[in-house]
Amino acid sequence: MRNYSEFLAEVLISEEELQTRIKEMGQQISEDYKDSKNLLLICILRGGVMFLTDLMRQIHIPHAIEFMAVSSYGLGARETTGQIRISHDLNTDIHDRDVILVEDIIDSGHTLSSVLDMLSTRKPKSLEVCTLLDKAERREVSVPVKYVGFTIPNKFVFGYGLDLDDYYRHLPFIGVVDENKYQAESDE
C-alpha cells in the first residue's frame, strides 16, 4: 500500500480542529446528561472507534459504551440503499437507558435511519445521534442528529477512523482523496 500523501488532495480538518471540537461536544453531552443515571454510548464499528475513544475522554459524567457492527447492502462499495445486516449486535439491554449512537460520518442517512428504527423498538429512555462528520447535502433520508462535529462538503474523505479501502484509519486528521490520482494509482 502506498503512502497516502500521493493522493491527498487536502487536509479538510486538522488534528487540532478535531480535538478542539470533540472536547466541546464532550462538554455539551456532559451538561445535557448530567442528571442521567444510565448513559450509554453505542459506537458503530469500525469507523467510529477513534471518535468514540476521544469523545468518551471528554465526557465527564459516568457512562458505559457498547458496539455494533452494521453492514449496508447497496449499489457499490461507496453507495448504500440502507438495507442493513447487523454483524455484531449489542450485548447490553438498552431498555429505559439514555442512548447516544456515535457515528463517524452520515451521508445519505439510509443506514442510520434503519439502525435508529431498530434500536427504538428496544425502548430506550432516549435515543440521540452524535456524528463527527455530516455530509448534509447528500442526505436522502431525514435523520435526527443532535450532536454534529463538522458539516462537510460532498467530498471523499478518509483518516481519523474513516478508511480508504480498509487503510489509513490511523491518521490523526480528515483528508480529502484526490480521486483522479487515487484511481490512476489503483489502476496500475
Foldseek 3Di string as FASTA:
>chain_A
DDDQVLFFPWFPWALVLLLVLLLVLLVVVLVVCVVFPEEEEEEEPDLQVLSVVSNVVNNPHDYYYWYWYKDFDDDDPPGGPLDIDTPGDTPDQQAQHAYEYEEAEDAQCSVVVVVVVVNVVSHHVHYAYAYAEYQPVRHNDDDHHDHYNYYDHPFAKAECRRDDVNDRPPHSTITGGNVVSVVVVVVD
